[in-house]
């Protein structure tokens, strides 16, 4: 049974979601402020029982969700789904830039949240068990340890960024459509005005640009091409 942490200061909502998720095979602990989220994550890591996923509200007391995201790399490589207010696009973009894997707007439908949780966990587990050889490249992707190196230098990438690199490297030199990447990496159909994929690619570009001026090309109207 997957074990997740839900960080949201709305206790009534978290109780409702906790019961719904438990009834659908997901164990869910709750924390109601940013400090509590961080402490829960640290305790779980210390006890050797890390959470499989974090669902994180942006607006929380003590430490807000974006500040929690900034601290996460020093605590855990846990995948993250953000909860954001409807229409707050800037929060979604900043969250994705800080390494979140996905987002869902509030008020959220529990069924949609469940689907997003299952998709992210499925993608993470599938990527961890995928060991087929990758083409030769300056990039070295260790699919067992989920580590990324280029020219012998280790790069810090999120789980979604790693999966994107694997997908692009498997089709190195070819243009990979946004629709295909969204379906196979983000585990959902590409939707109009959804910039999640673009933000993840933009983050990867910035991390790779010290080694190549244009590591990932955007082919207008078609998709992305890895040229490293």
Protein backbone atom coordinates (compact mmCIF):
# COMPACT_ATOMS: atom_id res chain seq x y z
CA UNK A 1 0.00 0.00 0.00
CA UNK A 2 1.52 3.36 -0.99
CA UNK A 3 2.21 5.69 1.91
CA UNK A 4 1.88 9.44 1.28
CA UNK A 5 2.06 12.67 3.27
CA UNK A 6 -0.61 15.34 2.80
CA UNK A 7 0.38 18.85 3.86
CA UNK A 8 -2.57 21.26 4.11
CA UNK A 9 -3.83 23.54 6.88
CA UNK A 10 -7.49 22.77 6.13
CA UNK A 11 -8.10 20.02 8.68
CA UNK A 12 -11.61 19.26 7.46
CA UNK A 13 -10.38 18.82 3.89
CA UNK A 14 -7.41 16.69 4.89
CA UNK A 15 -9.65 14.37 6.92
CA UNK A 16 -11.99 13.96 3.96
CA UNK A 17 -9.12 13.26 1.56
CA UNK A 18 -7.40 10.96 4.05
CA UNK A 19 -10.52 8.79 4.37
CA UNK A 20 -11.12 8.76 0.61
CA UNK A 21 -7.53 7.78 -0.19
CA UNK A 22 -7.48 5.10 2.51
CA UNK A 23 -10.65 3.58 1.05
CA UNK A 24 -8.83 3.40 -2.30
CA UNK A 25 -5.71 1.66 -1.04
CA UNK A 26 -3.44 4.57 -0.08
CA UNK A 27 -2.18 5.19 3.44
CA UNK A 28 -2.15 8.92 4.15
CA UNK A 29 -0.62 10.90 7.01
CA UNK A 30 -1.45 14.58 7.44
CA UNK A 31 0.48 17.67 8.51
CA UNK A 32 -1.15 21.08 8.88
CA UNK A 33 1.76 23.52 8.58
CA UNK A 34 5.07 23.68 6.76
CA UNK A 35 7.20 22.97 9.82
CA UNK A 36 5.20 19.82 10.54
CA UNK A 37 5.63 18.66 6.94
CA UNK A 38 9.40 18.99 7.17
CA UNK A 39 9.55 17.23 10.54
CA UNK A 40 7.38 14.36 9.27
CA UNK A 41 9.62 13.91 6.23
CA UNK A 42 12.80 13.97 8.32
CA UNK A 43 11.40 11.48 10.82
CA UNK A 44 10.26 9.13 8.06
CA UNK A 45 13.70 9.24 6.43
CA UNK A 46 15.44 8.70 9.79
CA UNK A 47 13.23 5.69 10.54
CA UNK A 48 13.93 4.16 7.13
CA UNK A 49 10.28 4.42 6.14
CA UNK A 50 10.21 7.27 3.61
CA UNK A 51 6.94 8.41 2.11
CA UNK A 52 6.20 7.52 -1.51
CA UNK A 53 4.80 10.95 -2.34
CA UNK A 54 4.05 14.38 -0.86
CA UNK A 55 0.85 16.31 -1.62
CA UNK A 56 1.65 19.89 -0.63
CA UNK A 57 -0.56 22.96 -0.32
CA UNK A 58 1.13 26.22 -1.32
CA UNK A 59 -0.58 28.38 1.32
CA UNK A 60 0.28 27.04 4.79
CA UNK A 61 1.17 28.65 8.13
CA UNK A 62 4.67 28.85 9.66
CA UNK A 63 6.43 27.78 6.44
CA UNK A 64 4.61 28.07 3.12
CA UNK A 65 4.61 25.30 0.53
CA UNK A 66 7.11 26.98 -1.81
CA UNK A 67 9.60 27.36 1.05
CA UNK A 68 9.13 23.67 1.87
CA UNK A 69 9.90 22.84 -1.77
CA UNK A 70 13.12 24.85 -1.58
CA UNK A 71 14.26 22.78 1.42
CA UNK A 72 13.24 19.39 0.05
CA UNK A 73 16.45 18.56 -1.87
CA UNK A 74 18.37 18.47 1.43
CA UNK A 75 15.79 16.14 2.99
CA UNK A 76 14.41 13.75 0.39
CA UNK A 77 13.97 13.14 -3.34
CA UNK A 78 10.27 12.45 -2.77
CA UNK A 79 7.93 13.25 -5.70
CA UNK A 80 5.58 16.17 -5.04
CA UNK A 81 2.08 17.14 -6.18
CA UNK A 82 1.17 20.74 -5.37
CA UNK A 83 -2.25 21.97 -4.31
CA UNK A 84 -2.77 25.49 -5.67
CA UNK A 85 -5.61 27.98 -5.70
CA UNK A 86 -7.52 28.15 -8.96
CA UNK A 87 -6.09 30.84 -11.22
CA UNK A 88 -2.79 31.18 -9.31
CA UNK A 89 -0.67 30.25 -12.34
CA UNK A 90 2.46 31.95 -11.02
CA UNK A 91 2.45 29.68 -7.94
CA UNK A 92 2.14 26.62 -10.17
CA UNK A 93 5.02 27.73 -12.38
CA UNK A 94 7.28 28.57 -9.42
CA UNK A 95 6.43 25.25 -7.79
CA UNK A 96 7.32 23.32 -10.95
CA UNK A 97 10.52 25.34 -11.28
CA UNK A 98 11.39 24.36 -7.71
CA UNK A 99 11.03 20.69 -8.59
CA UNK A 100 7.40 19.69 -8.04
CA UNK A 101 6.26 16.85 -10.29
CA UNK A 102 2.64 17.86 -10.81
CA UNK A 103 -0.11 20.12 -9.51
CA UNK A 104 -3.84 20.14 -8.96
CA UNK A 105 -6.05 23.17 -8.30
CA UNK A 106 -8.27 23.61 -5.25
CA UNK A 107 -11.01 22.85 -4.54
CA UNK A 108 -9.92 19.48 -5.87
CA UNK A 109 -12.00 16.47 -6.75
CA UNK A 110 -10.78 13.54 -4.59
CA UNK A 111 -11.09 11.23 -7.59
CA UNK A 112 -8.81 13.48 -9.67
CA UNK A 113 -6.29 13.72 -6.84
CA UNK A 114 -6.28 9.93 -6.54
CA UNK A 115 -5.64 9.62 -10.28
CA UNK A 116 -2.74 12.11 -10.11
CA UNK A 117 -1.24 10.32 -7.09
CA UNK A 118 -1.45 6.93 -8.79
CA UNK A 119 0.04 8.33 -12.01
CA UNK A 120 3.07 9.87 -10.26
CA UNK A 121 3.70 6.76 -8.14
CA UNK A 122 3.30 4.51 -11.19
CA UNK A 123 5.73 6.63 -13.18
CA UNK A 124 8.27 6.66 -10.35
CA UNK A 125 8.05 2.90 -9.82
CA UNK A 126 8.18 2.14 -13.55
CA UNK A 127 11.23 4.34 -14.02
CA UNK A 128 12.97 2.69 -11.08
CA UNK A 129 12.48 -0.77 -12.58
CA UNK A 130 13.44 0.22 -16.15
CA UNK A 131 16.95 -1.02 -16.90
CA UNK A 132 17.11 -1.41 -20.69
CA UNK A 133 20.29 0.10 -22.24
CA UNK A 134 20.33 3.71 -23.32
CA UNK A 135 22.13 5.11 -26.38
CA UNK A 136 25.72 6.36 -26.03
CA UNK A 137 25.86 9.99 -25.03
CA UNK A 138 27.78 12.53 -22.98
CA UNK A 139 24.90 11.97 -20.57
CA UNK A 140 25.13 8.98 -18.28
CA UNK A 141 21.86 8.00 -16.64
CA UNK A 142 22.06 5.35 -13.94
CA UNK A 143 18.56 3.89 -13.92
CA UNK A 144 19.17 1.83 -10.79
CA UNK A 145 20.35 4.73 -8.62
CA UNK A 146 18.50 7.34 -10.72
CA UNK A 147 21.64 9.44 -11.00
CA UNK A 148 22.55 11.76 -13.86
CA UNK A 149 26.09 12.64 -14.97
CA UNK A 150 27.45 14.60 -17.92
CA UNK A 151 31.16 14.49 -18.72
CA UNK A 152 31.67 12.91 -15.29
CA UNK A 153 29.90 15.72 -13.43
CA UNK A 154 26.83 14.74 -11.41
CA UNK A 155 23.70 16.82 -12.01
CA UNK A 156 20.98 17.25 -9.41
CA UNK A 157 17.69 16.50 -11.18
CA UNK A 158 14.20 15.77 -9.93
CA UNK A 159 12.42 12.49 -10.60
CA UNK A 160 10.38 14.00 -13.41
CA UNK A 161 13.47 15.61 -14.96
CA UNK A 162 15.26 12.26 -14.86
CA UNK A 163 12.33 10.54 -16.57
CA UNK A 164 12.28 13.27 -19.23
CA UNK A 165 15.97 12.77 -19.92
CA UNK A 166 15.48 9.02 -20.27
CA UNK A 167 12.60 9.55 -22.70
CA UNK A 168 14.54 12.09 -24.79
CA UNK A 169 17.76 10.07 -24.74
CA UNK A 170 15.97 6.95 -25.98
CA UNK A 171 15.04 8.98 -29.06
CA UNK A 172 18.22 11.04 -29.23
CA UNK A 173 18.37 13.25 -32.31
CA UNK A 174 14.69 12.78 -33.04
CA UNK A 175 11.93 15.26 -32.37
CA UNK A 176 9.70 13.94 -29.59
CA UNK A 177 6.22 15.44 -29.50
CA UNK A 178 4.89 17.21 -26.42
CA UNK A 179 1.81 14.98 -26.52
CA UNK A 180 3.98 11.84 -26.37
CA UNK A 181 6.13 13.20 -23.55
CA UNK A 182 3.10 14.27 -21.55
CA UNK A 183 1.49 10.85 -21.96
CA UNK A 184 4.60 8.77 -21.23
CA UNK A 185 6.42 10.94 -18.70
CA UNK A 186 3.70 12.90 -16.91
CA UNK A 187 1.21 10.03 -17.35
CA UNK A 188 -1.57 12.25 -18.64
CA UNK A 189 -2.85 13.70 -21.89
CA UNK A 190 -1.50 17.09 -22.90
CA UNK A 191 -4.05 19.79 -22.12
CA UNK A 192 -4.35 23.28 -23.64
CA UNK A 193 -2.58 25.93 -21.53
CA UNK A 194 -0.86 23.28 -19.36
CA UNK A 195 2.74 24.49 -19.09
CA UNK A 196 4.02 21.75 -16.77
CA UNK A 197 6.05 20.00 -19.46
CA UNK A 198 7.56 23.27 -20.72
CA UNK A 199 8.64 24.22 -17.20
CA UNK A 200 10.31 20.83 -16.61
CA UNK A 201 12.17 21.10 -19.94
CA UNK A 202 13.20 24.69 -19.15
CA UNK A 203 14.71 23.55 -15.83
CA UNK A 204 16.62 20.80 -17.60
CA UNK A 205 17.97 23.23 -20.18
CA UNK A 206 19.37 25.49 -17.46
CA UNK A 207 21.11 22.55 -15.78
CA UNK A 208 22.60 21.30 -19.07
CA UNK A 209 23.59 24.65 -20.60
CA UNK A 210 27.01 24.80 -18.91
CA UNK A 211 27.88 21.79 -21.09
CA UNK A 212 26.09 22.77 -24.33
CA UNK A 213 24.61 26.05 -25.61
CA UNK A 214 21.36 24.43 -26.73
CA UNK A 215 21.09 20.95 -25.15
CA UNK A 216 17.37 20.56 -25.84
CA UNK A 217 15.90 22.19 -28.92
CA UNK A 218 12.28 23.28 -29.06
CA UNK A 219 10.93 22.52 -32.55
CA UNK A 220 7.99 24.86 -33.04
CA UNK A 221 4.72 23.00 -33.42
CA UNK A 222 6.40 19.60 -33.07
CA UNK A 223 8.16 19.01 -29.77
CA UNK A 224 11.62 18.69 -28.25
CA UNK A 225 14.91 17.26 -29.48
CA UNK A 226 17.88 16.23 -27.31
CA UNK A 227 21.10 17.17 -29.12
CA UNK A 228 23.77 16.43 -26.51
